[in-house]
C-alpha atoms as a PDB file:
ATOM      1  CA  MET A   1      -2.547 -27.638  10.774  1.00  0.00           C
ATOM      2  CA  SER A   2      -1.605 -27.678   7.089  1.00  0.00           C
ATOM      3  CA  GLU A   3       0.407 -24.914   5.438  1.00  0.00           C
ATOM      4  CA  HIS A   4      -2.683 -23.881   3.440  1.00  0.00           C
ATOM      5  CA  GLU A   5      -4.721 -23.555   6.645  1.00  0.00           C
ATOM      6  CA  GLU A   6      -1.959 -21.589   8.361  1.00  0.00           C
ATOM      7  CA  ASN A   7      -1.665 -19.192   5.404  1.00  0.00           C
ATOM      8  CA  TRP A   8      -5.438 -18.815   5.345  1.00  0.00           C
ATOM      9  CA  ASN A   9      -5.752 -18.069   9.054  1.00  0.00           C
ATOM     10  CA  LYS A  10      -2.955 -15.487   8.998  1.00  0.00           C
ATOM     11  CA  ALA A  11      -4.387 -13.796   5.906  1.00  0.00           C
ATOM     12  CA  TYR A  12      -7.895 -13.726   7.387  1.00  0.00           C
ATOM     13  CA  LYS A  13      -6.606 -12.168  10.606  1.00  0.00           C
ATOM     14  CA  LYS A  14      -4.719  -9.457   8.711  1.00  0.00           C
ATOM     15  CA  GLY A  15      -7.670  -8.802   6.394  1.00  0.00           C
ATOM     16  CA  ASP A  16      -9.966  -8.410   9.391  1.00  0.00           C
ATOM     17  CA  GLU A  17      -7.537  -5.907  10.938  1.00  0.00           C
ATOM     18  CA  ILE A  18      -7.418  -3.900   7.696  1.00  0.00           C
ATOM     19  CA  LEU A  19     -11.215  -3.774   7.459  1.00  0.00           C
ATOM     20  CA  LYS A  20     -11.493  -2.620  11.082  1.00  0.00           C
ATOM     21  CA  ASP A  21      -8.855   0.090  10.515  1.00  0.00           C
ATOM     22  CA  LEU A  22     -10.690   1.268   7.396  1.00  0.00           C
ATOM     23  CA  GLU A  23     -14.043   1.297   9.173  1.00  0.00           C
ATOM     24  CA  ASN A  24     -12.500   3.448  11.905  1.00  0.00           C
ATOM     25  CA  ARG A  25     -11.409   5.937   9.242  1.00  0.00           C
ATOM     26  CA  PHE A  26     -14.907   5.996   7.752  1.00  0.00           C
ATOM     27  CA  GLN A  27     -16.450   6.646  11.175  1.00  0.00           C
ATOM     28  CA  HIS A  28     -14.103   9.594  11.791  1.00  0.00           C
ATOM     29  CA  PRO A  29     -14.276  11.753   8.648  1.00  0.00           C
ATOM     30  CA  ASN A  30     -12.368  14.595  10.305  1.00  0.00           C
ATOM     31  CA  ILE A  31      -9.169  12.534  10.536  1.00  0.00           C
ATOM     32  CA  GLY A  32      -6.750  13.797   7.900  1.00  0.00           C
ATOM     33  CA  ASP A  33      -4.776  11.621   5.504  1.00  0.00           C
ATOM     34  CA  HIS A  34      -1.357  10.289   6.450  1.00  0.00           C
ATOM     35  CA  ASP A  35       1.038  12.177   4.181  1.00  0.00           C
ATOM     36  CA  ALA A  36       4.411  11.352   5.722  1.00  0.00           C
ATOM     37  CA  GLY A  37       5.498   9.340   2.678  1.00  0.00           C
ATOM     38  CA  ARG A  38       5.405  12.378   0.387  1.00  0.00           C
ATOM     39  CA  ALA A  39       8.884  13.537   1.414  1.00  0.00           C
ATOM     40  CA  ILE A  40      10.334  10.079   0.759  1.00  0.00           C
ATOM     41  CA  PHE A  41       8.612   9.928  -2.608  1.00  0.00           C
ATOM     42  CA  ALA A  42       9.959  13.393  -3.486  1.00  0.00           C
ATOM     43  CA  GLU A  43      13.476  12.089  -2.940  1.00  0.00           C
ATOM     44  CA  TYR A  44      12.792   9.327  -5.449  1.00  0.00           C
ATOM     45  CA  ASP A  45      11.558  11.920  -7.905  1.00  0.00           C
ATOM     46  CA  LYS A  46      14.783  13.942  -7.829  1.00  0.00           C
ATOM     47  CA  THR A  47      17.406  13.624 -10.533  1.00  0.00           C
ATOM     48  CA  PRO A  48      20.811  13.539  -8.815  1.00  0.00           C
ATOM     49  CA  PRO A  49      23.600  15.701 -10.240  1.00  0.00           C
ATOM     50  CA  GLY A  50      25.744  14.189 -12.963  1.00  0.00           C
ATOM     51  CA  PRO A  51      25.093  12.656 -16.392  1.00  0.00           C
ATOM     52  CA  ALA A  52      21.603  11.182 -16.700  1.00  0.00           C
ATOM     53  CA  SER A  53      23.023   7.894 -17.879  1.00  0.00           C
ATOM     54  CA  GLN A  54      24.939   7.579 -14.613  1.00  0.00           C
ATOM     55  CA  SER A  55      22.483   9.166 -12.183  1.00  0.00           C
ATOM     56  CA  PRO A  56      18.911   8.702 -13.409  1.00  0.00           C
ATOM     57  CA  SER A  57      15.949   9.801 -11.321  1.00  0.00           C
ATOM     58  CA  ARG A  58      14.802   7.041  -9.002  1.00  0.00           C
ATOM     59  CA  LEU A  59      11.246   7.739 -10.187  1.00  0.00           C
ATOM     60  CA  LYS A  60      11.418   7.125 -13.908  1.00  0.00           C
ATOM     61  CA  PRO A  61       8.337   7.638 -16.092  1.00  0.00           C
ATOM     62  CA  LEU A  62       8.743   5.517 -19.214  1.00  0.00           C
ATOM     63  CA  GLU A  63       6.964   5.803 -22.541  1.00  0.00           C
ATOM     64  CA  SER A  64       3.226   5.303 -23.019  1.00  0.00           C
ATOM     65  CA  PHE A  65       2.166   2.377 -25.155  1.00  0.00           C
ATOM     66  CA  ASN A  66      -1.008   0.672 -26.283  1.00  0.00           C
ATOM     67  CA  LEU A  67      -2.341  -2.435 -24.608  1.00  0.00           C
ATOM     68  CA  PRO A  68      -5.171  -4.551 -26.075  1.00  0.00           C
ATOM     69  CA  HIS A  69      -8.510  -2.829 -26.679  1.00  0.00           C
ATOM     70  CA  GLY A  70      -6.802   0.488 -27.295  1.00  0.00           C
ATOM     71  CA  ASN A  71      -6.215   1.400 -23.655  1.00  0.00           C
ATOM     72  CA  ILE A  72      -3.154   3.612 -23.213  1.00  0.00           C
ATOM     73  CA  PHE A  73      -1.109   2.973 -20.099  1.00  0.00           C
ATOM     74  CA  GLN A  74       1.778   4.917 -18.639  1.00  0.00           C
ATOM     75  CA  THR A  75       4.553   2.954 -16.980  1.00  0.00           C
ATOM     76  CA  PHE A  76       6.259   4.117 -13.809  1.00  0.00           C
ATOM     77  CA  GLN A  77       9.409   2.524 -12.495  1.00  0.00           C
ATOM     78  CA  ILE A  78      10.675   3.433  -9.025  1.00  0.00           C
ATOM     79  CA  THR A  79      14.212   2.223  -8.435  1.00  0.00           C
ATOM     80  CA  ARG A  80      17.013   2.312  -5.886  1.00  0.00           C
ATOM     81  CA  THR A  81      19.724   3.264  -8.382  1.00  0.00           C
ATOM     82  CA  GLU A  82      22.451   3.442  -5.753  1.00  0.00           C
ATOM     83  CA  LYS A  83      22.267  -0.358  -5.501  1.00  0.00           C
ATOM     84  CA  PRO A  84      23.970  -2.633  -8.063  1.00  0.00           C
ATOM     85  CA  SER A  85      20.711  -4.586  -8.332  1.00  0.00           C
ATOM     86  CA  PRO A  86      17.908  -2.009  -8.068  1.00  0.00           C
ATOM     87  CA  ASN A  87      14.850  -2.779  -5.990  1.00  0.00           C
ATOM     88  CA  TYR A  88      11.797  -1.373  -7.676  1.00  0.00           C
ATOM     89  CA  PHE A  89       8.076  -1.045  -8.081  1.00  0.00           C
ATOM     90  CA  GLN A  90       6.808  -1.222 -11.632  1.00  0.00           C
ATOM     91  CA  GLN A  91       3.229  -0.624 -12.630  1.00  0.00           C
ATOM     92  CA  LEU A  92       1.009   0.544 -15.472  1.00  0.00           C
ATOM     93  CA  SER A  93      -1.668   3.171 -14.943  1.00  0.00           C
ATOM     94  CA  ASN A  94      -4.684   4.200 -16.987  1.00  0.00           C
ATOM     95  CA  ALA A  95      -6.250   7.358 -15.588  1.00  0.00           C
ATOM     96  CA  GLY A  96      -9.194   7.182 -17.986  1.00  0.00           C
ATOM     97  CA  VAL A  97     -10.614   4.078 -16.333  1.00  0.00           C
ATOM     98  CA  GLY A  98      -8.935   4.291 -12.940  1.00  0.00           C
ATOM     99  CA  ILE A  99      -6.775   1.170 -13.257  1.00  0.00           C
ATOM    100  CA  VAL A 100      -3.374   0.479 -11.736  1.00  0.00           C
ATOM    101  CA  LEU A 101      -1.841  -2.758 -13.013  1.00  0.00           C
ATOM    102  CA  VAL A 102       0.962  -3.980 -10.756  1.00  0.00           C
ATOM    103  CA  ILE A 103       3.699  -5.720 -12.728  1.00  0.00           C
ATOM    104  CA  GLN A 104       6.445  -6.232 -10.178  1.00  0.00           C
ATOM    105  CA  VAL A 105       6.953  -5.314  -6.545  1.00  0.00           C
ATOM    106  CA  ASP A 106       9.967  -5.659  -4.264  1.00  0.00           C
ATOM    107  CA  ARG A 107       8.590  -4.049  -1.141  1.00  0.00           C
ATOM    108  CA  ASP A 108      10.955  -5.479   1.447  1.00  0.00           C
ATOM    109  CA  LYS A 109      14.138  -3.709   0.400  1.00  0.00           C
ATOM    110  CA  THR A 110      13.119  -0.102  -0.005  1.00  0.00           C
ATOM    111  CA  ASP A 111      12.244   2.773   2.310  1.00  0.00           C
ATOM    112  CA  LEU A 112       9.213   3.695   0.185  1.00  0.00           C
ATOM    113  CA  SER A 113       6.131   1.599   0.931  1.00  0.00           C
ATOM    114  CA  TRP A 114       4.125   0.082  -1.922  1.00  0.00           C
ATOM    115  CA  SER A 115       0.989   1.932  -0.824  1.00  0.00           C
ATOM    116  CA  ASP A 116       2.727   5.328  -0.872  1.00  0.00           C
ATOM    117  CA  ALA A 117       4.554   4.530  -4.107  1.00  0.00           C
ATOM    118  CA  THR A 118       1.264   3.669  -5.779  1.00  0.00           C
ATOM    119  CA  PHE A 119      -0.670   6.677  -4.495  1.00  0.00           C
ATOM    120  CA  TYR A 120       1.982   9.295  -5.226  1.00  0.00           C
ATOM    121  CA  SER A 121       2.758   7.755  -8.624  1.00  0.00           C
ATOM    122  CA  TRP A 122      -0.953   7.958  -9.430  1.00  0.00           C
ATOM    123  CA  GLU A 123      -1.030  11.568  -8.263  1.00  0.00           C
ATOM    124  CA  LYS A 124       1.986  12.405 -10.422  1.00  0.00           C
ATOM    125  CA  PHE A 125       0.756  10.430 -13.425  1.00  0.00           C
ATOM    126  CA  THR A 126      -2.616  12.186 -13.435  1.00  0.00           C
ATOM    127  CA  ASN A 127      -0.900  15.599 -13.167  1.00  0.00           C
ATOM    128  CA  THR A 128      -2.923  16.420 -10.063  1.00  0.00           C
ATOM    129  CA  GLN A 129      -2.054  19.874  -8.784  1.00  0.00           C
ATOM    130  CA  ALA A 130      -1.596  20.574  -5.085  1.00  0.00           C
ATOM    131  CA  GLY A 131      -4.933  21.062  -3.368  1.00  0.00           C
ATOM    132  CA  HIS A 132      -6.908  19.344  -6.123  1.00  0.00           C
ATOM    133  CA  PRO A 133      -8.446  15.841  -5.845  1.00  0.00           C
ATOM    134  CA  VAL A 134      -6.845  12.984  -7.729  1.00  0.00           C
ATOM    135  CA  PRO A 135      -9.047  10.929 -10.066  1.00  0.00           C
ATOM    136  CA  PRO A 136     -10.434   7.899  -8.250  1.00  0.00           C
ATOM    137  CA  ILE A 137      -8.714   4.530  -8.504  1.00  0.00           C
ATOM    138  CA  THR A 138     -11.324   1.864  -9.236  1.00  0.00           C
ATOM    139  CA  HIS A 139      -9.148  -1.230  -9.755  1.00  0.00           C
ATOM    140  CA  ILE A 140      -5.769  -2.448  -8.491  1.00  0.00           C
ATOM    141  CA  ALA A 141      -4.897  -5.411 -10.721  1.00  0.00           C
ATOM    142  CA  ILE A 142      -1.995  -7.711  -9.853  1.00  0.00           C
ATOM    143  CA  ASP A 143      -0.785  -9.859 -12.718  1.00  0.00           C
ATOM    144  CA  SER A 144       1.292 -13.055 -12.686  1.00  0.00           C
ATOM    145  CA  ILE A 145       1.315 -13.431  -8.910  1.00  0.00           C
ATOM    146  CA  ASN A 146       4.272 -15.501  -7.722  1.00  0.00           C
ATOM    147  CA  VAL A 147       3.902 -14.896  -3.987  1.00  0.00           C
ATOM    148  CA  GLU A 148       3.403 -18.354  -2.505  1.00  0.00           C
ATOM    149  CA  GLN A 149       1.247 -17.121   0.385  1.00  0.00           C
ATOM    150  CA  THR A 150      -1.163 -15.335  -1.964  1.00  0.00           C
ATOM    151  CA  LYS A 151      -1.335 -18.303  -4.316  1.00  0.00           C
ATOM    152  CA  SER A 152      -2.058 -20.595  -1.373  1.00  0.00           C
ATOM    153  CA  VAL A 153      -4.955 -18.418  -0.184  1.00  0.00           C
ATOM    154  CA  ILE A 154      -6.406 -18.128  -3.704  1.00  0.00           C
ATOM    155  CA  ASN A 155      -6.263 -21.906  -4.099  1.00  0.00           C
ATOM    156  CA  GLU A 156      -7.904 -22.373  -0.714  1.00  0.00           C
ATOM    157  CA  ALA A 157     -10.668 -19.896  -1.637  1.00  0.00           C
ATOM    158  CA  TYR A 158     -11.582 -21.913  -4.717  1.00  0.00           C
ATOM    159  CA  ASP A 159     -11.495 -25.167  -2.753  1.00  0.00           C
ATOM    160  CA  ARG A 160     -13.681 -23.785   0.058  1.00  0.00           C
ATOM    161  CA  ALA A 161     -16.202 -22.447  -2.435  1.00  0.00           C
ATOM    162  CA  GLY A 162     -16.254 -25.742  -4.328  1.00  0.00           C
ATOM    163  CA  HIS A 163     -14.983 -24.265  -7.600  1.00  0.00           C
ATOM    164  CA  ASP A 164     -13.045 -26.914  -9.513  1.00  0.00           C
ATOM    165  CA  THR A 165     -12.498 -24.792 -12.627  1.00  0.00           C
ATOM    166  CA  PRO A 166      -9.857 -22.032 -12.840  1.00  0.00           C
ATOM    167  CA  ASP A 167     -12.391 -19.424 -14.016  1.00  0.00           C
ATOM    168  CA  LEU A 168     -12.273 -15.769 -13.005  1.00  0.00           C
ATOM    169  CA  LYS A 169     -14.269 -15.342  -9.800  1.00  0.00           C
ATOM    170  CA  THR A 170     -15.386 -12.190  -8.015  1.00  0.00           C
ATOM    171  CA  TRP A 171     -15.755 -12.389  -4.241  1.00  0.00           C
ATOM    172  CA  ASP A 172     -18.157  -9.812  -2.835  1.00  0.00           C
ATOM    173  CA  ARG A 173     -17.553  -8.246   0.558  1.00  0.00           C
ATOM    174  CA  VAL A 174     -21.122  -8.986   1.678  1.00  0.00           C
ATOM    175  CA  THR A 175     -21.998 -12.381   0.208  1.00  0.00           C
ATOM    176  CA  ASP A 176     -18.467 -13.865   0.340  1.00  0.00           C
ATOM    177  CA  ASN A 177     -17.230 -12.104   3.466  1.00  0.00           C
ATOM    178  CA  VAL A 178     -14.912 -14.825   4.817  1.00  0.00           C
ATOM    179  CA  ILE A 179     -13.160 -15.438   1.497  1.00  0.00           C
ATOM    180  CA  PHE A 180     -13.082 -11.707   0.741  1.00  0.00           C
ATOM    181  CA  THR A 181     -11.444 -10.972   4.102  1.00  0.00           C
ATOM    182  CA  ALA A 182      -8.781 -13.673   3.696  1.00  0.00           C
ATOM    183  CA  LEU A 183      -7.921 -12.493   0.179  1.00  0.00           C
ATOM    184  CA  LEU A 184      -7.615  -8.892   1.389  1.00  0.00           C
ATOM    185  CA  GLY A 185      -5.134 -10.019   4.025  1.00  0.00           C
ATOM    186  CA  THR A 186      -2.752 -11.618   1.546  1.00  0.00           C
ATOM    187  CA  THR A 187       0.647 -10.134   0.831  1.00  0.00           C
ATOM    188  CA  SER A 188      -0.530  -9.099  -2.641  1.00  0.00           C
ATOM    189  CA  ALA A 189      -3.769  -7.360  -1.619  1.00  0.00           C
ATOM    190  CA  SER A 190      -3.071  -5.843   1.800  1.00  0.00           C
ATOM    191  CA  GLY A 191      -1.155  -2.875   0.356  1.00  0.00           C
ATOM    192  CA  THR A 192      -4.361  -1.603  -1.239  1.00  0.00           C
ATOM    193  CA  GLY A 193      -5.998  -1.585   2.180  1.00  0.00           C
ATOM    194  CA  TRP A 194      -3.121   0.390   3.699  1.00  0.00           C
ATOM    195  CA  MET A 195      -3.208   2.819   0.756  1.00  0.00           C
ATOM    196  CA  LEU A 196      -6.896   3.524   1.351  1.00  0.00           C
ATOM    197  CA  LYS A 197      -6.332   3.871   5.084  1.00  0.00           C
ATOM    198  CA  ASP A 198      -3.541   6.419   4.611  1.00  0.00           C
ATOM    199  CA  HIS A 199      -5.081   8.336   1.671  1.00  0.00           C
ATOM    200  CA  LEU A 200      -8.805   7.755   2.162  1.00  0.00           C
ATOM    201  CA  ASN A 201      -9.931  11.355   1.691  1.00  0.00           C
ATOM    202  CA  ALA A 202      -7.749  11.917  -1.379  1.00  0.00           C
ATOM    203  CA  LEU A 203      -9.098   8.699  -2.906  1.00  0.00           C
ATOM    204  CA  HIS A 204     -12.706   9.866  -2.612  1.00  0.00           C
ATOM    205  CA  ARG A 205     -13.413   7.737   0.465  1.00  0.00           C
ATOM    206  CA  TYR A 206     -13.842   4.705  -1.736  1.00  0.00           C
ATOM    207  CA  ARG A 207     -14.292   1.266  -0.210  1.00  0.00           C
ATOM    208  CA  ILE A 208     -12.986  -2.122  -1.301  1.00  0.00           C
ATOM    209  CA  VAL A 209     -16.212  -3.649  -2.621  1.00  0.00           C
ATOM    210  CA  SER A 210     -14.976  -6.945  -4.069  1.00  0.00           C
ATOM    211  CA  ILE A 211     -11.889  -8.915  -5.070  1.00  0.00           C
ATOM    212  CA  SER A 212     -11.621 -10.814  -8.349  1.00  0.00           C
ATOM    213  CA  THR A 213      -9.250 -13.746  -8.736  1.00  0.00           C
ATOM    214  CA  TYR A 214      -8.100 -16.194 -11.377  1.00  0.00           C
ATOM    215  CA  ARG A 215      -6.534 -19.495 -10.350  1.00  0.00           C
ATOM    216  CA  ASP A 216      -4.050 -20.663 -12.924  1.00  0.00           C
ATOM    217  CA  PRO A 217      -4.415 -24.442 -13.382  1.00  0.00           C
ATOM    218  CA  PHE A 218      -0.631 -24.677 -13.767  1.00  0.00           C
ATOM    219  CA  ASP A 219      -0.119 -22.694 -10.526  1.00  0.00           C
ATOM    220  CA  THR A 220       2.193 -20.165 -12.185  1.00  0.00           C
ATOM    221  CA  HIS A 221       0.135 -17.113 -13.211  1.00  0.00           C
ATOM    222  CA  HIS A 222      -2.499 -16.378 -10.601  1.00  0.00           C
ATOM    223  CA  TYR A 223      -4.287 -13.039 -10.952  1.00  0.00           C
ATOM    224  CA  MET A 224      -6.060 -10.710  -8.531  1.00  0.00           C
ATOM    225  CA  CYS A 225      -7.976  -7.462  -8.930  1.00  0.00           C
ATOM    226  CA  ILE A 226      -9.086  -5.369  -5.965  1.00  0.00           C
ATOM    227  CA  ASN A 227     -12.213  -3.441  -6.960  1.00  0.00           C
ATOM    228  CA  LEU A 228     -12.920  -0.066  -5.334  1.00  0.00           C
ATOM    229  CA  GLY A 229     -16.054   2.040  -5.358  1.00  0.00           C
ATOM    230  CA  PRO A 230     -18.223   4.504  -3.401  1.00  0.00           C
END
């Protein structure tokens, strides 16, 4: 079995597990959201005592700035400042159109999961008050993917579908179920599935309806967008 086939099979298996877990949540609407990560996130949001330059908050909202087409994004950076080389999540959010753009993730060296970091950052960014629903997230976009497993699965998806060009493709859950499931199970996309599973009610019980991908012909800047909807 080739490395591409092994990556594909593992991703498909994980994607299938995520879809089954999500379907179980949809079939049991009385199950509450998993909110255990809130306390961990709150610790990241604290500013330790001492000068700010020496002890910055581990959740650091940076300045807003304009991206193309006039969309204004807010950057969040979650760091482990007690480490000489901080491990962090960094992402841009646009509440107006429900987009989270993931810039960089180091999920293996922190006690805060990517799914919780993303949800609670979104909640904080949108100024959602306790007891009020957060605005829905409609897209999780992952730019400049450098995870070899994800790149391998994206490449395999294009090959299996017979697409020789590196164009942007959208894989629908119904008509492209096998490819959709394998893409969902990749390292880069699976966190969105866990986020929905843990925070389904807060996120308006949205489903993952499709996944868009771009295969970089130079194999350096693959792109993925997980599309959510009712």
